[in-house]
Protein backbone atom coordinates (compact mmCIF):
# COMPACT_ATOMS: atom_id res chain seq x y z
CA MET A 1 23.53 18.22 8.62
CA THR A 2 20.44 19.63 10.30
CA LYS A 3 19.85 19.78 14.04
CA PRO A 4 18.09 16.71 15.21
CA ILE A 5 14.30 17.14 15.72
CA SER A 6 12.38 15.61 18.48
CA ALA A 7 10.63 12.35 17.72
CA PRO A 8 6.88 13.03 18.22
CA ARG A 9 4.91 10.26 20.08
CA ASP A 10 1.32 11.13 19.41
CA ILE A 11 -1.13 13.83 18.39
CA ARG A 12 -0.14 16.04 21.40
CA ASP A 13 3.26 16.51 19.83
CA ILE A 14 1.96 17.91 16.47
CA PHE A 15 2.53 21.50 17.25
CA CYS A 16 6.15 20.94 18.33
CA PHE A 17 6.75 18.97 15.21
CA LEU A 18 5.29 21.81 13.02
CA ASN A 19 7.37 24.40 14.91
CA GLU A 20 10.50 22.33 14.28
CA LEU A 21 9.68 22.13 10.53
CA ARG A 22 9.21 25.92 10.51
CA ALA A 23 12.51 26.42 12.24
CA LEU A 24 14.12 24.48 9.34
CA SER A 25 12.12 26.58 6.78
CA ILE A 26 10.35 23.40 5.54
CA LYS A 27 6.96 24.22 4.11
CA PHE A 28 4.20 21.80 4.90
CA ARG A 29 0.56 21.09 4.43
CA LEU A 30 -1.96 19.71 6.93
CA ARG A 31 -4.44 17.14 5.61
CA SER A 32 -7.26 15.08 6.99
CA SER A 33 -8.11 12.10 4.81
CA ARG A 34 -8.98 9.62 7.72
CA ASP A 35 -11.26 10.06 10.66
CA ASP A 36 -8.71 9.13 13.24
CA SER A 37 -5.54 11.13 12.22
CA ILE A 38 -4.11 14.39 11.01
CA SER A 39 -1.45 14.28 8.27
CA VAL A 40 1.46 16.62 7.78
CA ASP A 41 2.89 16.48 4.25
CA PHE A 42 6.15 18.07 3.11
CA THR A 43 8.77 17.75 0.45
CA LEU A 44 12.49 17.55 0.67
CA VAL A 45 14.91 17.42 -2.22
CA GLY A 46 14.28 14.03 -3.83
CA CYS A 47 11.75 12.93 -1.21
CA ARG A 48 8.08 13.45 -0.26
CA VAL A 49 7.04 12.70 3.33
CA GLU A 50 3.67 12.04 4.85
CA VAL A 51 3.36 11.87 8.71
CA ASP A 52 0.10 10.70 10.24
CA PHE A 53 -0.55 11.78 13.83
CA PHE A 54 -2.96 9.49 15.77
CA ASP A 55 -4.21 9.75 19.38
CA ASP A 56 -1.64 7.18 20.60
CA HIS A 57 1.12 6.95 17.96
CA ILE A 58 2.52 8.32 14.62
CA GLU A 59 3.30 6.82 11.39
CA PHE A 60 5.24 8.07 8.40
CA SER A 61 5.82 7.23 4.74
CA TYR A 62 8.39 8.63 2.37
CA PHE A 63 8.55 8.40 -1.26
CA THR A 64 11.77 8.80 -3.32
CA GLY A 65 12.40 8.56 -6.91
CA ASP A 66 12.92 10.25 -10.22
CA GLU A 67 11.60 13.80 -10.15
CA GLY A 68 12.01 14.17 -13.87
CA VAL A 69 9.44 15.80 -16.11
CA HIS A 70 7.77 13.47 -18.63
CA ASP A 71 5.65 14.06 -21.77
CA ASP A 72 4.95 10.48 -22.76
CA TRP A 73 1.26 10.05 -22.09
CA ALA A 74 1.47 6.35 -22.52
CA LEU A 75 3.74 6.31 -19.45
CA MET A 76 0.98 8.09 -17.58
CA GLN A 77 -1.46 5.49 -18.65
CA ARG A 78 0.86 2.63 -17.48
CA LEU A 79 1.25 4.31 -14.16
CA LEU A 80 -2.53 4.55 -13.75
CA ASP A 81 -3.03 0.95 -14.84
CA THR A 82 -0.33 -0.27 -12.48
CA HIS A 83 -0.84 1.88 -9.36
CA TRP A 84 -4.50 2.69 -9.19
CA SER A 85 -7.39 0.54 -7.97
CA ASP A 86 -10.95 1.53 -7.22
CA ASP A 87 -11.49 -1.45 -4.97
C-alpha cells in the first residue's frame, strides 16, 4: 500500500499533487482541452486516470478494463460506432 496523498482542493494544489505523483514515480502528462481547467493524466496498472483542476474544485475520472491487444478491425469499427459521436 502506498502512502496516502493529500486530496487537492483546487488549481492552487496542482503543484503539490504533481510532486506527490513524482514521489511515487508515477509519470504524468499535463493537458489543456478546456478553457477553464488543467488536466493531469496518468496510468496505473489496469487503470487510466484523468484529473481536472479548476479554479474552485477538482474532478477526476478513471477508466478500467481489459488492456489486451486486439487485431480484429471489426471490433475497432464497433467501438467507434458505439462510443464516438460528432454531435
